[in-house]
PDB file of N, CA and C in Angstrom:
ATOM      1  N   MET A   1     -20.910 -39.398  31.075  1.00  0.00           N
ATOM      2  CA  MET A   1     -19.593 -39.963  31.052  1.00  0.00           C
ATOM      3  C   MET A   1     -18.586 -39.069  30.325  1.00  0.00           C
ATOM      4  N   TYR A   2     -18.929 -38.752  29.066  1.00  0.00           N
ATOM      5  CA  TYR A   2     -18.022 -37.948  28.260  1.00  0.00           C
ATOM      6  C   TYR A   2     -18.696 -36.619  27.968  1.00  0.00           C
ATOM      7  N   GLU A   3     -17.991 -35.534  28.255  1.00  0.00           N
ATOM      8  CA  GLU A   3     -18.564 -34.222  28.051  1.00  0.00           C
ATOM      9  C   GLU A   3     -18.013 -33.627  26.746  1.00  0.00           C
ATOM     10  N   ILE A   4     -18.910 -33.160  25.877  1.00  0.00           N
ATOM     11  CA  ILE A   4     -18.501 -32.592  24.599  1.00  0.00           C
ATOM     12  C   ILE A   4     -18.075 -31.133  24.837  1.00  0.00           C
ATOM     13  N   PRO A   5     -16.852 -30.777  24.407  1.00  0.00           N
ATOM     14  CA  PRO A   5     -16.406 -29.398  24.631  1.00  0.00           C
ATOM     15  C   PRO A   5     -17.200 -28.425  23.755  1.00  0.00           C
ATOM     16  N   PRO A   6     -17.382 -27.189  24.206  1.00  0.00           N
ATOM     17  CA  PRO A   6     -18.125 -26.211  23.401  1.00  0.00           C
ATOM     18  C   PRO A   6     -17.355 -25.861  22.128  1.00  0.00           C
ATOM     19  N   LYS A   7     -18.110 -25.542  21.072  1.00  0.00           N
ATOM     20  CA  LYS A   7     -17.485 -25.180  19.802  1.00  0.00           C
ATOM     21  C   LYS A   7     -16.960 -23.760  19.877  1.00  0.00           C
ATOM     22  N   ARG A   8     -15.860 -23.526  19.172  1.00  0.00           N
ATOM     23  CA  ARG A   8     -15.292 -22.184  19.114  1.00  0.00           C
ATOM     24  C   ARG A   8     -16.096 -21.346  18.132  1.00  0.00           C
ATOM     25  N   LYS A   9     -16.266 -20.082  18.456  1.00  0.00           N
ATOM     26  CA  LYS A   9     -17.024 -19.198  17.585  1.00  0.00           C
ATOM     27  C   LYS A   9     -16.124 -18.439  16.618  1.00  0.00           C
ATOM     28  N   VAL A  10     -14.833 -18.431  16.861  1.00  0.00           N
ATOM     29  CA  VAL A  10     -13.893 -17.765  15.971  1.00  0.00           C
ATOM     30  C   VAL A  10     -12.891 -18.789  15.463  1.00  0.00           C
ATOM     31  N   ALA A  11     -12.292 -18.468  14.326  1.00  0.00           N
ATOM     32  CA  ALA A  11     -11.306 -19.381  13.762  1.00  0.00           C
ATOM     33  C   ALA A  11     -10.063 -19.396  14.647  1.00  0.00           C
ATOM     34  N   PRO A  12      -9.423 -20.534  14.766  1.00  0.00           N
ATOM     35  CA  PRO A  12      -8.208 -20.584  15.578  1.00  0.00           C
ATOM     36  C   PRO A  12      -7.107 -19.742  14.955  1.00  0.00           C
ATOM     37  N   ARG A  13      -6.175 -19.294  15.776  1.00  0.00           N
ATOM     38  CA  ARG A  13      -5.068 -18.480  15.274  1.00  0.00           C
ATOM     39  C   ARG A  13      -4.249 -19.265  14.273  1.00  0.00           C
ATOM     40  N   GLY A  14      -3.785 -18.553  13.267  1.00  0.00           N
ATOM     41  CA  GLY A  14      -2.965 -19.202  12.259  1.00  0.00           C
ATOM     42  C   GLY A  14      -3.765 -19.831  11.137  1.00  0.00           C
ATOM     43  N   SER A  15      -5.073 -19.777  11.233  1.00  0.00           N
ATOM     44  CA  SER A  15      -5.879 -20.359  10.171  1.00  0.00           C
ATOM     45  C   SER A  15      -5.975 -19.381   9.014  1.00  0.00           C
ATOM     46  N   VAL A  16      -6.278 -19.888   7.858  1.00  0.00           N
ATOM     47  CA  VAL A  16      -6.396 -19.062   6.658  1.00  0.00           C
ATOM     48  C   VAL A  16      -7.872 -18.908   6.336  1.00  0.00           C
ATOM     49  N   ASN A  17      -8.279 -17.685   6.103  1.00  0.00           N
ATOM     50  CA  ASN A  17      -9.667 -17.472   5.733  1.00  0.00           C
ATOM     51  C   ASN A  17      -9.737 -16.906   4.318  1.00  0.00           C
ATOM     52  N   ARG A  18     -10.929 -16.714   3.829  1.00  0.00           N
ATOM     53  CA  ARG A  18     -11.133 -16.273   2.452  1.00  0.00           C
ATOM     54  C   ARG A  18     -10.516 -14.900   2.197  1.00  0.00           C
ATOM     55  N   ARG A  19     -10.651 -13.997   3.158  1.00  0.00           N
ATOM     56  CA  ARG A  19     -10.092 -12.662   2.990  1.00  0.00           C
ATOM     57  C   ARG A  19      -8.566 -12.717   2.812  1.00  0.00           C
ATOM     58  N   ASP A  20      -7.900 -13.565   3.582  1.00  0.00           N
ATOM     59  CA  ASP A  20      -6.448 -13.709   3.448  1.00  0.00           C
ATOM     60  C   ASP A  20      -6.066 -14.200   2.057  1.00  0.00           C
ATOM     61  N   VAL A  21      -6.831 -15.145   1.542  1.00  0.00           N
ATOM     62  CA  VAL A  21      -6.551 -15.696   0.218  1.00  0.00           C
ATOM     63  C   VAL A  21      -6.784 -14.632  -0.853  1.00  0.00           C
ATOM     64  N   GLU A  22      -7.870 -13.868  -0.735  1.00  0.00           N
ATOM     65  CA  GLU A  22      -8.159 -12.823  -1.715  1.00  0.00           C
ATOM     66  C   GLU A  22      -7.103 -11.722  -1.671  1.00  0.00           C
ATOM     67  N   GLU A  23      -6.649 -11.349  -0.473  1.00  0.00           N
ATOM     68  CA  GLU A  23      -5.608 -10.335  -0.351  1.00  0.00           C
ATOM     69  C   GLU A  23      -4.297 -10.820  -0.961  1.00  0.00           C
ATOM     70  N   ALA A  24      -3.957 -12.069  -0.748  1.00  0.00           N
ATOM     71  CA  ALA A  24      -2.731 -12.623  -1.326  1.00  0.00           C
ATOM     72  C   ALA A  24      -2.813 -12.647  -2.851  1.00  0.00           C
ATOM     73  N   ALA A  25      -3.978 -12.987  -3.388  1.00  0.00           N
ATOM     74  CA  ALA A  25      -4.148 -13.001  -4.842  1.00  0.00           C
ATOM     75  C   ALA A  25      -4.057 -11.587  -5.407  1.00  0.00           C
ATOM     76  N   ALA A  26      -4.670 -10.623  -4.738  1.00  0.00           N
ATOM     77  CA  ALA A  26      -4.606  -9.234  -5.194  1.00  0.00           C
ATOM     78  C   ALA A  26      -3.174  -8.714  -5.123  1.00  0.00           C
ATOM     79  N   ARG A  27      -2.455  -9.077  -4.068  1.00  0.00           N
ATOM     80  CA  ARG A  27      -1.064  -8.661  -3.930  1.00  0.00           C
ATOM     81  C   ARG A  27      -0.206  -9.250  -5.048  1.00  0.00           C
ATOM     82  N   ALA A  28      -0.450 -10.492  -5.409  1.00  0.00           N
ATOM     83  CA  ALA A  28       0.308 -11.138  -6.482  1.00  0.00           C
ATOM     84  C   ALA A  28       0.047 -10.446  -7.821  1.00  0.00           C
ATOM     85  N   VAL A  29      -1.198 -10.086  -8.070  1.00  0.00           N
ATOM     86  CA  VAL A  29      -1.533  -9.376  -9.307  1.00  0.00           C
ATOM     87  C   VAL A  29      -0.856  -8.005  -9.323  1.00  0.00           C
ATOM     88  N   PHE A  30      -0.866  -7.304  -8.196  1.00  0.00           N
ATOM     89  CA  PHE A  30      -0.235  -5.994  -8.111  1.00  0.00           C
ATOM     90  C   PHE A  30       1.263  -6.096  -8.369  1.00  0.00           C
ATOM     91  N   VAL A  31       1.914  -7.078  -7.774  1.00  0.00           N
ATOM     92  CA  VAL A  31       3.356  -7.253  -7.960  1.00  0.00           C
ATOM     93  C   VAL A  31       3.659  -7.562  -9.417  1.00  0.00           C
ATOM     94  N   GLU A  32       2.850  -8.400 -10.038  1.00  0.00           N
ATOM     95  CA  GLU A  32       3.068  -8.741 -11.446  1.00  0.00           C
ATOM     96  C   GLU A  32       2.920  -7.500 -12.334  1.00  0.00           C
ATOM     97  N   GLU A  33       1.898  -6.676 -12.079  1.00  0.00           N
ATOM     98  CA  GLU A  33       1.709  -5.455 -12.861  1.00  0.00           C
ATOM     99  C   GLU A  33       2.854  -4.474 -12.625  1.00  0.00           C
ATOM    100  N   LEU A  34       3.344  -4.398 -11.403  1.00  0.00           N
ATOM    101  CA  LEU A  34       4.458  -3.506 -11.096  1.00  0.00           C
ATOM    102  C   LEU A  34       5.725  -3.954 -11.814  1.00  0.00           C
ATOM    103  N   VAL A  35       5.976  -5.240 -11.833  1.00  0.00           N
ATOM    104  CA  VAL A  35       7.144  -5.766 -12.538  1.00  0.00           C
ATOM    105  C   VAL A  35       7.027  -5.474 -14.031  1.00  0.00           C
ATOM    106  N   GLN A  36       5.850  -5.661 -14.598  1.00  0.00           N
ATOM    107  CA  GLN A  36       5.638  -5.361 -16.014  1.00  0.00           C
ATOM    108  C   GLN A  36       5.879  -3.878 -16.298  1.00  0.00           C
ATOM    109  N   ALA A  37       5.425  -3.003 -15.411  1.00  0.00           N
ATOM    110  CA  ALA A  37       5.621  -1.566 -15.605  1.00  0.00           C
ATOM    111  C   ALA A  37       7.094  -1.205 -15.547  1.00  0.00           C
ATOM    112  N   VAL A  38       7.823  -1.803 -14.617  1.00  0.00           N
ATOM    113  CA  VAL A  38       9.252  -1.519 -14.498  1.00  0.00           C
ATOM    114  C   VAL A  38       9.993  -1.996 -15.740  1.00  0.00           C
ATOM    115  N   GLU A  39       9.614  -3.154 -16.253  1.00  0.00           N
ATOM    116  CA  GLU A  39      10.312  -3.714 -17.412  1.00  0.00           C
ATOM    117  C   GLU A  39       9.956  -2.996 -18.708  1.00  0.00           C
ATOM    118  N   SER A  40       8.744  -2.459 -18.828  1.00  0.00           N
ATOM    119  CA  SER A  40       8.313  -1.917 -20.115  1.00  0.00           C
ATOM    120  C   SER A  40       8.337  -0.393 -20.205  1.00  0.00           C
ATOM    121  N   ASP A  41       8.218   0.307 -19.088  1.00  0.00           N
ATOM    122  CA  ASP A  41       8.122   1.770 -19.132  1.00  0.00           C
ATOM    123  C   ASP A  41       9.419   2.395 -18.618  1.00  0.00           C
ATOM    124  N   PRO A  42      10.166   3.081 -19.483  1.00  0.00           N
ATOM    125  CA  PRO A  42      11.433   3.665 -19.039  1.00  0.00           C
ATOM    126  C   PRO A  42      11.256   4.768 -17.988  1.00  0.00           C
ATOM    127  N   ARG A  43      10.090   5.448 -17.993  1.00  0.00           N
ATOM    128  CA  ARG A  43       9.870   6.482 -16.979  1.00  0.00           C
ATOM    129  C   ARG A  43       9.741   5.870 -15.590  1.00  0.00           C
ATOM    130  N   VAL A  44       9.072   4.725 -15.504  1.00  0.00           N
ATOM    131  CA  VAL A  44       8.922   4.048 -14.211  1.00  0.00           C
ATOM    132  C   VAL A  44      10.283   3.579 -13.725  1.00  0.00           C
ATOM    133  N   ARG A  45      11.063   3.002 -14.624  1.00  0.00           N
ATOM    134  CA  ARG A  45      12.390   2.522 -14.262  1.00  0.00           C
ATOM    135  C   ARG A  45      13.265   3.680 -13.783  1.00  0.00           C
ATOM    136  N   ALA A  46      13.221   4.812 -14.488  1.00  0.00           N
ATOM    137  CA  ALA A  46      14.015   5.972 -14.100  1.00  0.00           C
ATOM    138  C   ALA A  46      13.581   6.500 -12.731  1.00  0.00           C
ATOM    139  N   ALA A  47      12.278   6.508 -12.475  1.00  0.00           N
ATOM    140  CA  ALA A  47      11.782   6.988 -11.182  1.00  0.00           C
ATOM    141  C   ALA A  47      12.259   6.085 -10.051  1.00  0.00           C
ATOM    142  N   ILE A  48      12.229   4.788 -10.260  1.00  0.00           N
ATOM    143  CA  ILE A  48      12.689   3.853  -9.229  1.00  0.00           C
ATOM    144  C   ILE A  48      14.189   3.999  -9.015  1.00  0.00           C
ATOM    145  N   LEU A  49      14.948   4.148 -10.084  1.00  0.00           N
ATOM    146  CA  LEU A  49      16.391   4.331  -9.941  1.00  0.00           C
ATOM    147  C   LEU A  49      16.706   5.623  -9.192  1.00  0.00           C
ATOM    148  N   ARG A  50      15.914   6.681  -9.432  1.00  0.00           N
ATOM    149  CA  ARG A  50      16.116   7.921  -8.683  1.00  0.00           C
ATOM    150  C   ARG A  50      15.847   7.717  -7.202  1.00  0.00           C
ATOM    151  N   LEU A  51      14.796   6.968  -6.894  1.00  0.00           N
ATOM    152  CA  LEU A  51      14.488   6.712  -5.484  1.00  0.00           C
ATOM    153  C   LEU A  51      15.586   5.903  -4.815  1.00  0.00           C
ATOM    154  N   VAL A  52      16.097   4.913  -5.517  1.00  0.00           N
ATOM    155  CA  VAL A  52      17.155   4.071  -4.952  1.00  0.00           C
ATOM    156  C   VAL A  52      18.427   4.884  -4.757  1.00  0.00           C
ATOM    157  N   ALA A  53      18.718   5.761  -5.717  1.00  0.00           N
ATOM    158  CA  ALA A  53      19.925   6.577  -5.638  1.00  0.00           C
ATOM    159  C   ALA A  53      19.804   7.678  -4.585  1.00  0.00           C
ATOM    160  N   GLY A  54      18.591   7.995  -4.184  1.00  0.00           N
ATOM    161  CA  GLY A  54      18.395   9.007  -3.162  1.00  0.00           C
ATOM    162  C   GLY A  54      18.220  10.402  -3.718  1.00  0.00           C
ATOM    163  N   THR A  55      18.196  10.560  -5.023  1.00  0.00           N
ATOM    164  CA  THR A  55      17.975  11.877  -5.601  1.00  0.00           C
ATOM    165  C   THR A  55      16.495  12.043  -5.886  1.00  0.00           C
ATOM    166  N   ARG A  56      16.036  13.264  -5.800  1.00  0.00           N
ATOM    167  CA  ARG A  56      14.633  13.537  -6.039  1.00  0.00           C
ATOM    168  C   ARG A  56      14.497  14.503  -7.188  1.00  0.00           C
ATOM    169  N   ARG A  57      13.412  14.371  -7.881  1.00  0.00           N
ATOM    170  CA  ARG A  57      13.113  15.287  -8.952  1.00  0.00           C
ATOM    171  C   ARG A  57      12.729  16.638  -8.371  1.00  0.00           C
ATOM    172  N   ALA A  58      13.059  17.691  -9.077  1.00  0.00           N
ATOM    173  CA  ALA A  58      12.701  19.021  -8.600  1.00  0.00           C
ATOM    174  C   ALA A  58      11.180  19.124  -8.523  1.00  0.00           C
ATOM    175  N   PRO A  59      10.675  19.658  -7.434  1.00  0.00           N
ATOM    176  CA  PRO A  59       9.215  19.772  -7.321  1.00  0.00           C
ATOM    177  C   PRO A  59       8.675  20.772  -8.321  1.00  0.00           C
ATOM    178  N   GLY A  60       7.449  20.553  -8.711  1.00  0.00           N
ATOM    179  CA  GLY A  60       6.790  21.453  -9.650  1.00  0.00           C
ATOM    180  C   GLY A  60       6.412  22.757  -8.982  1.00  0.00           C
ATOM    181  N   PRO A  61       5.922  23.686  -9.742  1.00  0.00           N
ATOM    182  CA  PRO A  61       5.536  24.972  -9.148  1.00  0.00           C
ATOM    183  C   PRO A  61       4.370  24.796  -8.185  1.00  0.00           C
ATOM    184  N   THR A  62       4.421  25.537  -7.119  1.00  0.00           N
ATOM    185  CA  THR A  62       3.351  25.458  -6.122  1.00  0.00           C
ATOM    186  C   THR A  62       2.740  26.834  -5.944  1.00  0.00           C
ATOM    187  N   THR A  63       1.528  26.851  -5.494  1.00  0.00           N
ATOM    188  CA  THR A  63       0.872  28.123  -5.217  1.00  0.00           C
ATOM    189  C   THR A  63       0.909  28.353  -3.718  1.00  0.00           C
ATOM    190  N   MET A  64       1.127  29.558  -3.353  1.00  0.00           N
ATOM    191  CA  MET A  64       1.187  29.895  -1.929  1.00  0.00           C
ATOM    192  C   MET A  64      -0.229  30.112  -1.406  1.00  0.00           C
ATOM    193  N   ALA A  65      -0.530  29.528  -0.319  1.00  0.00           N
ATOM    194  CA  ALA A  65      -1.834  29.720   0.307  1.00  0.00           C
ATOM    195  C   ALA A  65      -1.823  31.044   1.055  1.00  0.00           C
ATOM    196  N   THR A  66      -2.910  31.749   1.021  1.00  0.00           N
ATOM    197  CA  THR A  66      -2.976  33.001   1.750  1.00  0.00           C
ATOM    198  C   THR A  66      -3.113  32.708   3.238  1.00  0.00           C
ATOM    199  N   VAL A  67      -2.411  33.470   4.008  1.00  0.00           N
ATOM    200  CA  VAL A  67      -2.440  33.277   5.450  1.00  0.00           C
ATOM    201  C   VAL A  67      -3.316  34.372   6.033  1.00  0.00           C
ATOM    202  N   ARG A  68      -4.335  33.976   6.736  1.00  0.00           N
ATOM    203  CA  ARG A  68      -5.218  34.946   7.360  1.00  0.00           C
ATOM    204  C   ARG A  68      -4.791  35.122   8.807  1.00  0.00           C
ATOM    205  N   ARG A  69      -4.528  36.344   9.121  1.00  0.00           N
ATOM    206  CA  ARG A  69      -4.110  36.629  10.478  1.00  0.00           C
ATOM    207  C   ARG A  69      -5.284  37.218  11.244  1.00  0.00           C
ATOM    208  N   GLY A  70      -5.394  36.782  12.434  1.00  0.00           N
ATOM    209  CA  GLY A  70      -6.482  37.302  13.255  1.00  0.00           C
ATOM    210  C   GLY A  70      -6.217  38.761  13.606  1.00  0.00           C
ATOM    211  N   GLY A  71      -7.196  39.557  13.394  1.00  0.00           N
ATOM    212  CA  GLY A  71      -7.038  40.980  13.686  1.00  0.00           C
ATOM    213  C   GLY A  71      -7.943  41.398  14.828  1.00  0.00           C
ATOM    214  N   GLY A  72      -8.041  42.646  15.006  1.00  0.00           N
ATOM    215  CA  GLY A  72      -8.909  43.173  16.052  1.00  0.00           C
ATOM    216  C   GLY A  72     -10.368  42.914  15.714  1.00  0.00           C
ATOM    217  N   GLY A  73     -11.189  43.364  16.444  1.00  0.00           N
ATOM    218  CA  GLY A  73     -12.537  43.180  16.032  1.00  0.00           C
ATOM    219  C   GLY A  73     -13.501  43.337  17.070  1.00  0.00           C
TER     220      GLY A  73
END
């Protein structure tokens, strides 16, 4: 008379699983630590203000890589 529908093997779309909850908790902790760093460390604040202003710090010294050119042989 009544047929029982088959069970789904995957969670329906829009459902929340454990991984989503753990990622949200980790993201909240990261944001809180970032806010604390911005409020307490003047170097972090200065770096963020430089990024917002569009100016960049001068890059440090770099070493030139040797370029090997293919020769005869």
